[in-house]
Amino acid sequence: MSRVLDRLFHNRTLRRWELAAQQAGDLDLPTLRQQRNQARALRKHLDQVIHTADGRLARPEIGSSFFSKPHGTDWSWRPELWRGPLPVSGIASARNRSSLGGEVTLFHDCSQSELTLRQCRNLREEDLAPFGLRMDVLRFEGSFLSLVVDFPPEATVGLSRGHLIRVDTTIASEKPIEIFARLNIRHGPNTEQITRELPLGDEEVMVEFDLAYSRLNEKRIEKIWLDLIFEAPDFNQVVIRDLTLCRVRRAAL
């Protein structure tokens, strides 16, 4: 019975506001002002319901860490920016060393920043990550622009020269842009660096870093981070829809 009554009240409310919209052009000003205030109060609650429902019903689900991993993976990770909502979702005129969340940091040497970073919701059917990162660049007068992703401490546990570190990412841009991925591993006073170029024009890309050819001191590994380096980024918009990392034992030679 309550469901029937709810439908009746809902239909009656719809008809009331439909009629109010039709008559708004002919009402006297005091009545119109009263209806406007009522409509604004109602809209506040409706907007909140829609916002919450969109967040809960949209796919992929917030917090999802699902992604395809190669056989032999002993560690995998999707950073928090692509996994869940951040307390601060965007930065305008982002300065050097601006951080979005606790794991992603922007580096550049522009004297006047015309860069914007914003976390955005992924809504495409093919998206596996709940969120993405949008970077808008207007005029860029600096010599370098990079996004740094800090690995969690557990990524260093058990890491050896017998591992491959694999990066999978989905990147779209308004204009073609060269992007390089550089893996950095600090071991003692030294930092091992391996750089790979992302295939130009491909949206879904994968690169691997083979540690067998590095001079890594396995007993002194302290920190790992990934640089995404953008060449000539001015007047472009880059959307990183997903970024995942995994560690795989390389096949024995």
C-alpha atoms as a PDB file:
ATOM      1  CA  MET A   1       0.000   0.000   0.000  1.00  0.00           C
ATOM      2  CA  SER A   2       2.846   2.396   0.850  1.00  0.00           C
ATOM      3  CA  ARG A   3       4.364   1.900  -2.617  1.00  0.00           C
ATOM      4  CA  VAL A   4       1.059   2.786  -4.263  1.00  0.00           C
ATOM      5  CA  LEU A   5       0.762   5.934  -2.150  1.00  0.00           C
ATOM      6  CA  ASP A   6       4.388   6.880  -2.915  1.00  0.00           C
ATOM      7  CA  ARG A   7       3.684   6.662  -6.652  1.00  0.00           C
ATOM      8  CA  LEU A   8       0.518   8.750  -6.281  1.00  0.00           C
ATOM      9  CA  PHE A   9       2.319  11.479  -4.318  1.00  0.00           C
ATOM     10  CA  HIS A  10       5.225  11.412  -6.752  1.00  0.00           C
ATOM     11  CA  ASN A  11       2.947  11.805  -9.780  1.00  0.00           C
ATOM     12  CA  ARG A  12       1.032  14.595  -8.038  1.00  0.00           C
ATOM     13  CA  THR A  13       4.289  16.441  -7.286  1.00  0.00           C
ATOM     14  CA  LEU A  14       5.449  16.071 -10.884  1.00  0.00           C
ATOM     15  CA  ARG A  15       2.155  17.485 -12.184  1.00  0.00           C
ATOM     16  CA  ARG A  16       2.362  20.401  -9.743  1.00  0.00           C
ATOM     17  CA  TRP A  17       5.840  21.471 -10.872  1.00  0.00           C
ATOM     18  CA  GLU A  18       5.044  20.829 -14.514  1.00  0.00           C
ATOM     19  CA  LEU A  19       2.085  23.215 -14.182  1.00  0.00           C
ATOM     20  CA  ALA A  20       4.248  25.728 -12.289  1.00  0.00           C
ATOM     21  CA  ALA A  21       6.778  25.718 -15.111  1.00  0.00           C
ATOM     22  CA  GLN A  22       4.056  26.342 -17.679  1.00  0.00           C
ATOM     23  CA  GLN A  23       2.532  29.232 -15.709  1.00  0.00           C
ATOM     24  CA  ALA A  24       5.785  30.891 -14.574  1.00  0.00           C
ATOM     25  CA  GLY A  25       5.620  33.464 -17.360  1.00  0.00           C
ATOM     26  CA  ASP A  26       2.182  34.755 -16.259  1.00  0.00           C
ATOM     27  CA  LEU A  27       2.402  34.688 -12.432  1.00  0.00           C
ATOM     28  CA  ASP A  28       2.524  37.825 -10.305  1.00  0.00           C
ATOM     29  CA  LEU A  29       5.973  38.560  -8.879  1.00  0.00           C
ATOM     30  CA  PRO A  30       5.295  37.735  -5.168  1.00  0.00           C
ATOM     31  CA  THR A  31       3.900  34.295  -6.120  1.00  0.00           C
ATOM     32  CA  LEU A  32       6.734  33.713  -8.592  1.00  0.00           C
ATOM     33  CA  ARG A  33       9.316  34.603  -5.919  1.00  0.00           C
ATOM     34  CA  GLN A  34       7.746  32.138  -3.491  1.00  0.00           C
ATOM     35  CA  GLN A  35       7.750  29.342  -6.073  1.00  0.00           C
ATOM     36  CA  ARG A  36      11.364  30.097  -6.953  1.00  0.00           C
ATOM     37  CA  ASN A  37      12.417  29.701  -3.321  1.00  0.00           C
ATOM     38  CA  GLN A  38      10.499  26.432  -3.051  1.00  0.00           C
ATOM     39  CA  ALA A  39      12.077  25.152  -6.277  1.00  0.00           C
ATOM     40  CA  ARG A  40      15.579  26.036  -5.089  1.00  0.00           C
ATOM     41  CA  ALA A  41      15.065  24.229  -1.787  1.00  0.00           C
ATOM     42  CA  LEU A  42      13.784  21.180  -3.633  1.00  0.00           C
ATOM     43  CA  ARG A  43      16.600  21.292  -6.190  1.00  0.00           C
ATOM     44  CA  LYS A  44      19.254  21.221  -3.454  1.00  0.00           C
ATOM     45  CA  HIS A  45      18.021  17.836  -2.232  1.00  0.00           C
ATOM     46  CA  LEU A  46      17.432  16.499  -5.745  1.00  0.00           C
ATOM     47  CA  ASP A  47      20.976  17.421  -6.812  1.00  0.00           C
ATOM     48  CA  GLN A  48      22.377  15.636  -3.758  1.00  0.00           C
ATOM     49  CA  VAL A  49      20.381  12.480  -4.523  1.00  0.00           C
ATOM     50  CA  ILE A  50      21.492  12.521  -8.164  1.00  0.00           C
ATOM     51  CA  HIS A  51      25.137  13.115  -7.254  1.00  0.00           C
ATOM     52  CA  THR A  52      25.210  10.287  -4.707  1.00  0.00           C
ATOM     53  CA  ALA A  53      23.325   7.906  -7.001  1.00  0.00           C
ATOM     54  CA  ASP A  54      25.626   8.641  -9.952  1.00  0.00           C
ATOM     55  CA  GLY A  55      28.657   7.912  -7.807  1.00  0.00           C
ATOM     56  CA  ARG A  56      27.282   4.621  -6.477  1.00  0.00           C
ATOM     57  CA  LEU A  57      25.689   3.358  -9.681  1.00  0.00           C
ATOM     58  CA  ALA A  58      28.462   4.309 -12.115  1.00  0.00           C
ATOM     59  CA  ARG A  59      30.838   1.626 -13.279  1.00  0.00           C
ATOM     60  CA  PRO A  60      33.522   0.657 -12.586  1.00  0.00           C
ATOM     61  CA  GLU A  61      32.918   0.536  -8.857  1.00  0.00           C
ATOM     62  CA  ILE A  62      34.840   2.933  -6.621  1.00  0.00           C
ATOM     63  CA  GLY A  63      37.768   1.202  -4.943  1.00  0.00           C
ATOM     64  CA  SER A  64      38.167  -1.411  -7.667  1.00  0.00           C
ATOM     65  CA  SER A  65      41.662  -2.874  -7.936  1.00  0.00           C
ATOM     66  CA  PHE A  66      40.786  -5.392 -10.633  1.00  0.00           C
ATOM     67  CA  PHE A  67      42.985  -5.532 -13.710  1.00  0.00           C
ATOM     68  CA  SER A  68      44.601  -8.186 -15.863  1.00  0.00           C
ATOM     69  CA  LYS A  69      47.933  -9.482 -14.563  1.00  0.00           C
ATOM     70  CA  PRO A  70      50.482 -11.684 -16.332  1.00  0.00           C
ATOM     71  CA  HIS A  71      51.259 -15.173 -15.063  1.00  0.00           C
ATOM     72  CA  GLY A  72      53.883 -15.132 -12.336  1.00  0.00           C
ATOM     73  CA  THR A  73      52.898 -11.779 -10.816  1.00  0.00           C
ATOM     74  CA  ASP A  74      53.977 -11.561  -7.170  1.00  0.00           C
ATOM     75  CA  TRP A  75      52.997  -7.930  -6.559  1.00  0.00           C
ATOM     76  CA  SER A  76      50.471  -5.626  -8.254  1.00  0.00           C
ATOM     77  CA  TRP A  77      49.057  -2.197  -7.552  1.00  0.00           C
ATOM     78  CA  ARG A  78      46.787   0.577  -8.841  1.00  0.00           C
ATOM     79  CA  PRO A  79      47.566   3.979  -7.229  1.00  0.00           C
ATOM     80  CA  GLU A  80      44.891   5.636  -5.113  1.00  0.00           C
ATOM     81  CA  LEU A  81      44.227   8.428  -7.636  1.00  0.00           C
ATOM     82  CA  TRP A  82      42.836   5.883 -10.120  1.00  0.00           C
ATOM     83  CA  ARG A  83      41.155   3.798  -7.406  1.00  0.00           C
ATOM     84  CA  GLY A  84      39.054   6.132  -5.254  1.00  0.00           C
ATOM     85  CA  PRO A  85      37.979   9.757  -4.739  1.00  0.00           C
ATOM     86  CA  LEU A  86      40.594  12.145  -3.359  1.00  0.00           C
ATOM     87  CA  PRO A  87      39.850  14.789  -0.696  1.00  0.00           C
ATOM     88  CA  VAL A  88      41.070  17.473  -3.137  1.00  0.00           C
ATOM     89  CA  SER A  89      40.059  16.535  -6.675  1.00  0.00           C
ATOM     90  CA  GLY A  90      41.895  19.227  -8.636  1.00  0.00           C
ATOM     91  CA  ILE A  91      44.631  21.865  -8.736  1.00  0.00           C
ATOM     92  CA  ALA A  92      44.504  24.997 -10.914  1.00  0.00           C
ATOM     93  CA  SER A  93      47.720  26.809 -11.888  1.00  0.00           C
ATOM     94  CA  ALA A  94      49.591  23.847 -10.434  1.00  0.00           C
ATOM     95  CA  ARG A  95      53.014  24.805  -9.136  1.00  0.00           C
ATOM     96  CA  ASN A  96      56.153  22.705  -9.171  1.00  0.00           C
ATOM     97  CA  ARG A  97      55.931  19.815  -6.682  1.00  0.00           C
ATOM     98  CA  SER A  98      52.117  20.068  -6.469  1.00  0.00           C
ATOM     99  CA  SER A  99      50.674  16.807  -5.140  1.00  0.00           C
ATOM    100  CA  LEU A 100      47.306  15.268  -5.996  1.00  0.00           C
ATOM    101  CA  GLY A 101      46.716  12.722  -3.279  1.00  0.00           C
ATOM    102  CA  GLY A 102      49.604  11.121  -1.451  1.00  0.00           C
ATOM    103  CA  GLU A 103      51.239   9.312  -4.368  1.00  0.00           C
ATOM    104  CA  VAL A 104      51.214  11.584  -7.461  1.00  0.00           C
ATOM    105  CA  THR A 105      53.338  14.738  -7.734  1.00  0.00           C
ATOM    106  CA  LEU A 106      53.747  17.201 -10.608  1.00  0.00           C
ATOM    107  CA  PHE A 107      57.213  18.532 -11.490  1.00  0.00           C
ATOM    108  CA  HIS A 108      57.988  21.373 -13.932  1.00  0.00           C
ATOM    109  CA  ASP A 109      60.160  24.472 -14.172  1.00  0.00           C
ATOM    110  CA  CYS A 110      57.656  27.046 -15.482  1.00  0.00           C
ATOM    111  CA  SER A 111      57.948  30.490 -13.911  1.00  0.00           C
ATOM    112  CA  GLN A 112      54.203  30.983 -14.438  1.00  0.00           C
ATOM    113  CA  SER A 113      52.067  27.855 -14.360  1.00  0.00           C
ATOM    114  CA  GLU A 114      49.240  27.371 -16.839  1.00  0.00           C
ATOM    115  CA  LEU A 115      48.672  23.729 -15.914  1.00  0.00           C
ATOM    116  CA  THR A 116      45.613  22.145 -14.340  1.00  0.00           C
ATOM    117  CA  LEU A 117      45.342  18.698 -12.774  1.00  0.00           C
ATOM    118  CA  ARG A 118      41.977  17.126 -12.012  1.00  0.00           C
ATOM    119  CA  GLN A 119      40.733  13.729 -10.954  1.00  0.00           C
ATOM    120  CA  CYS A 120      37.838  12.672 -13.185  1.00  0.00           C
ATOM    121  CA  ARG A 121      35.317   9.828 -13.038  1.00  0.00           C
ATOM    122  CA  ASN A 122      35.666   7.102 -15.664  1.00  0.00           C
ATOM    123  CA  LEU A 123      32.294   6.173 -17.147  1.00  0.00           C
ATOM    124  CA  ARG A 124      33.141   4.236 -20.322  1.00  0.00           C
ATOM    125  CA  GLU A 125      32.178   0.563 -20.505  1.00  0.00           C
ATOM    126  CA  GLU A 126      35.769  -0.445 -21.289  1.00  0.00           C
ATOM    127  CA  ASP A 127      37.231   1.385 -18.285  1.00  0.00           C
ATOM    128  CA  LEU A 128      38.481  -0.785 -15.417  1.00  0.00           C
ATOM    129  CA  ALA A 129      39.706   2.050 -13.176  1.00  0.00           C
ATOM    130  CA  PRO A 130      36.999   4.032 -11.350  1.00  0.00           C
ATOM    131  CA  PHE A 131      38.863   7.335 -11.798  1.00  0.00           C
ATOM    132  CA  GLY A 132      41.309   8.979 -14.162  1.00  0.00           C
ATOM    133  CA  LEU A 133      43.657  11.969 -14.196  1.00  0.00           C
ATOM    134  CA  ARG A 134      43.146  14.891 -16.592  1.00  0.00           C
ATOM    135  CA  MET A 135      45.966  17.327 -17.222  1.00  0.00           C
ATOM    136  CA  ASP A 136      45.270  20.532 -19.158  1.00  0.00           C
ATOM    137  CA  VAL A 137      48.278  22.477 -20.400  1.00  0.00           C
ATOM    138  CA  LEU A 138      48.001  25.895 -22.026  1.00  0.00           C
ATOM    139  CA  ARG A 139      51.187  27.824 -22.734  1.00  0.00           C
ATOM    140  CA  PHE A 140      54.236  25.935 -21.484  1.00  0.00           C
ATOM    141  CA  GLU A 141      57.539  27.775 -21.315  1.00  0.00           C
ATOM    142  CA  GLY A 142      59.478  25.312 -19.168  1.00  0.00           C
ATOM    143  CA  SER A 143      62.044  22.714 -20.182  1.00  0.00           C
ATOM    144  CA  PHE A 144      60.461  19.667 -18.503  1.00  0.00           C
ATOM    145  CA  LEU A 145      57.104  18.356 -17.296  1.00  0.00           C
ATOM    146  CA  SER A 146      56.653  15.093 -15.450  1.00  0.00           C
ATOM    147  CA  LEU A 147      54.246  13.260 -13.172  1.00  0.00           C
ATOM    148  CA  VAL A 148      55.877  11.202 -10.445  1.00  0.00           C
ATOM    149  CA  VAL A 149      54.108   8.171  -8.967  1.00  0.00           C
ATOM    150  CA  ASP A 150      55.602   6.923  -5.685  1.00  0.00           C
ATOM    151  CA  PHE A 151      55.450   3.162  -5.159  1.00  0.00           C
ATOM    152  CA  PRO A 152      54.267   1.847  -1.764  1.00  0.00           C
ATOM    153  CA  PRO A 153      56.970   0.412   0.551  1.00  0.00           C
ATOM    154  CA  GLU A 154      55.796  -3.173  -0.031  1.00  0.00           C
ATOM    155  CA  ALA A 155      56.947  -2.923  -3.663  1.00  0.00           C
ATOM    156  CA  THR A 156      60.557  -3.055  -2.450  1.00  0.00           C
ATOM    157  CA  VAL A 157      60.117  -6.213  -0.367  1.00  0.00           C
ATOM    158  CA  GLY A 158      61.787  -9.153  -2.102  1.00  0.00           C
ATOM    159  CA  LEU A 159      62.623  -7.137  -5.225  1.00  0.00           C
ATOM    160  CA  SER A 160      65.594  -8.544  -7.125  1.00  0.00           C
ATOM    161  CA  ARG A 161      67.350  -8.380 -10.479  1.00  0.00           C
ATOM    162  CA  GLY A 162      65.307 -11.426 -11.434  1.00  0.00           C
ATOM    163  CA  HIS A 163      62.154  -9.295 -11.731  1.00  0.00           C
ATOM    164  CA  LEU A 164      60.398  -7.425 -14.506  1.00  0.00           C
ATOM    165  CA  ILE A 165      58.364  -4.393 -13.520  1.00  0.00           C
ATOM    166  CA  ARG A 166      55.460  -3.855 -15.884  1.00  0.00           C
ATOM    167  CA  VAL A 167      53.455  -0.671 -16.357  1.00  0.00           C
ATOM    168  CA  ASP A 168      50.072  -0.713 -18.099  1.00  0.00           C
ATOM    169  CA  THR A 169      48.348   2.573 -18.807  1.00  0.00           C
ATOM    170  CA  THR A 170      45.486   4.003 -20.833  1.00  0.00           C
ATOM    171  CA  ILE A 171      46.265   7.502 -22.122  1.00  0.00           C
ATOM    172  CA  ALA A 172      44.307   9.778 -24.464  1.00  0.00           C
ATOM    173  CA  SER A 173      45.383  13.223 -25.681  1.00  0.00           C
ATOM    174  CA  GLU A 174      43.931  15.959 -27.875  1.00  0.00           C
ATOM    175  CA  LYS A 175      47.130  16.073 -29.927  1.00  0.00           C
ATOM    176  CA  PRO A 176      49.817  13.403 -30.371  1.00  0.00           C
ATOM    177  CA  ILE A 177      52.441  13.748 -27.659  1.00  0.00           C
ATOM    178  CA  GLU A 178      55.665  11.922 -26.838  1.00  0.00           C
ATOM    179  CA  ILE A 179      55.617  10.341 -23.387  1.00  0.00           C
ATOM    180  CA  PHE A 180      58.487   8.537 -21.660  1.00  0.00           C
ATOM    181  CA  ALA A 181      58.271   6.293 -18.610  1.00  0.00           C
ATOM    182  CA  ARG A 182      61.319   6.205 -16.337  1.00  0.00           C
ATOM    183  CA  LEU A 183      61.635   3.743 -13.478  1.00  0.00           C
ATOM    184  CA  ASN A 184      63.767   4.932 -10.565  1.00  0.00           C
ATOM    185  CA  ILE A 185      65.078   2.635  -7.820  1.00  0.00           C
ATOM    186  CA  ARG A 186      67.107   4.142  -4.994  1.00  0.00           C
ATOM    187  CA  HIS A 187      69.573   1.673  -3.472  1.00  0.00           C
ATOM    188  CA  GLY A 188      71.916   3.150  -0.937  1.00  0.00           C
ATOM    189  CA  PRO A 189      73.575   6.324  -2.266  1.00  0.00           C
ATOM    190  CA  ASN A 190      72.775   5.403  -5.893  1.00  0.00           C
ATOM    191  CA  THR A 191      69.638   5.519  -8.017  1.00  0.00           C
ATOM    192  CA  GLU A 192      69.118   3.088 -10.866  1.00  0.00           C
ATOM    193  CA  GLN A 193      67.145   4.568 -13.795  1.00  0.00           C
ATOM    194  CA  ILE A 194      65.598   2.751 -16.757  1.00  0.00           C
ATOM    195  CA  THR A 195      63.686   4.695 -19.427  1.00  0.00           C
ATOM    196  CA  ARG A 196      61.170   3.441 -21.976  1.00  0.00           C
ATOM    197  CA  GLU A 197      59.226   5.385 -24.596  1.00  0.00           C
ATOM    198  CA  LEU A 198      55.484   4.829 -24.739  1.00  0.00           C
ATOM    199  CA  PRO A 199      54.228   3.928 -28.230  1.00  0.00           C
ATOM    200  CA  LEU A 200      52.996   7.095 -29.931  1.00  0.00           C
ATOM    201  CA  GLY A 201      49.313   7.133 -30.879  1.00  0.00           C
ATOM    202  CA  ASP A 202      48.268   4.032 -28.932  1.00  0.00           C
ATOM    203  CA  GLU A 203      45.728   4.584 -26.162  1.00  0.00           C
ATOM    204  CA  GLU A 204      46.384   1.359 -24.264  1.00  0.00           C
ATOM    205  CA  VAL A 205      50.112   0.799 -23.816  1.00  0.00           C
ATOM    206  CA  MET A 206      52.402  -1.462 -21.830  1.00  0.00           C
ATOM    207  CA  VAL A 207      56.102  -1.139 -21.066  1.00  0.00           C
ATOM    208  CA  GLU A 208      58.396  -3.448 -19.110  1.00  0.00           C
ATOM    209  CA  PHE A 209      61.552  -2.699 -17.165  1.00  0.00           C
ATOM    210  CA  ASP A 210      63.959  -5.638 -16.991  1.00  0.00           C
ATOM    211  CA  LEU A 211      66.084  -5.376 -13.860  1.00  0.00           C
ATOM    212  CA  ALA A 212      68.473  -8.124 -14.984  1.00  0.00           C
ATOM    213  CA  TYR A 213      70.560  -5.590 -16.905  1.00  0.00           C
ATOM    214  CA  SER A 214      70.669  -3.071 -14.064  1.00  0.00           C
ATOM    215  CA  ARG A 215      73.352  -2.578 -11.419  1.00  0.00           C
ATOM    216  CA  LEU A 216      70.815  -2.882  -8.638  1.00  0.00           C
ATOM    217  CA  ASN A 217      72.053  -3.608  -5.131  1.00  0.00           C
ATOM    218  CA  GLU A 218      69.243  -5.875  -3.963  1.00  0.00           C
ATOM    219  CA  LYS A 219      70.180  -5.584  -0.272  1.00  0.00           C
ATOM    220  CA  ARG A 220      69.952  -1.772  -0.130  1.00  0.00           C
ATOM    221  CA  ILE A 221      66.711  -0.958  -1.969  1.00  0.00           C
ATOM    222  CA  GLU A 222      65.020   2.003  -0.276  1.00  0.00           C
ATOM    223  CA  LYS A 223      62.474   3.554  -2.623  1.00  0.00           C
ATOM    224  CA  ILE A 224      60.893   3.147  -6.075  1.00  0.00           C
ATOM    225  CA  TRP A 225      59.084   5.734  -8.157  1.00  0.00           C
ATOM    226  CA  LEU A 226      57.921   6.163 -11.748  1.00  0.00           C
ATOM    227  CA  ASP A 227      58.308   9.311 -13.856  1.00  0.00           C
ATOM    228  CA  LEU A 228      55.925  10.000 -16.736  1.00  0.00           C
ATOM    229  CA  ILE A 229      57.746  12.600 -18.825  1.00  0.00           C
ATOM    230  CA  PHE A 230      55.815  14.675 -21.387  1.00  0.00           C
ATOM    231  CA  GLU A 231      57.611  16.255 -24.340  1.00  0.00           C
ATOM    232  CA  ALA A 232      56.253  19.540 -25.799  1.00  0.00           C
ATOM    233  CA  PRO A 233      53.014  19.404 -23.775  1.00  0.00           C
ATOM    234  CA  ASP A 234      51.757  22.942 -24.488  1.00  0.00           C
ATOM    235  CA  PHE A 235      48.174  23.510 -25.672  1.00  0.00           C
ATOM    236  CA  ASN A 236      47.151  19.942 -25.051  1.00  0.00           C
ATOM    237  CA  GLN A 237      44.892  17.896 -22.809  1.00  0.00           C
ATOM    238  CA  VAL A 238      46.095  14.507 -21.591  1.00  0.00           C
ATOM    239  CA  VAL A 239      43.795  12.054 -19.801  1.00  0.00           C
ATOM    240  CA  ILE A 240      45.375   9.085 -18.031  1.00  0.00           C
ATOM    241  CA  ARG A 241      42.365   6.829 -17.616  1.00  0.00           C
ATOM    242  CA  ASP A 242      44.233   4.052 -15.847  1.00  0.00           C
ATOM    243  CA  LEU A 243      47.679   3.236 -14.486  1.00  0.00           C
ATOM    244  CA  THR A 244      48.600  -0.147 -13.028  1.00  0.00           C
ATOM    245  CA  LEU A 245      51.884  -1.741 -12.051  1.00  0.00           C
ATOM    246  CA  CYS A 246      52.946  -5.289 -11.391  1.00  0.00           C
ATOM    247  CA  ARG A 247      56.104  -7.224 -10.628  1.00  0.00           C
ATOM    248  CA  VAL A 248      56.837 -10.472 -12.464  1.00  0.00           C
ATOM    249  CA  ARG A 249      59.594 -13.031 -12.127  1.00  0.00           C
ATOM    250  CA  ARG A 250      61.497 -13.116 -15.410  1.00  0.00           C
ATOM    251  CA  ALA A 251      62.001 -16.424 -17.160  1.00  0.00           C
ATOM    252  CA  ALA A 252      65.323 -18.091 -16.383  1.00  0.00           C
ATOM    253  CA  LEU A 253      67.898 -17.859 -19.162  1.00  0.00           C
END
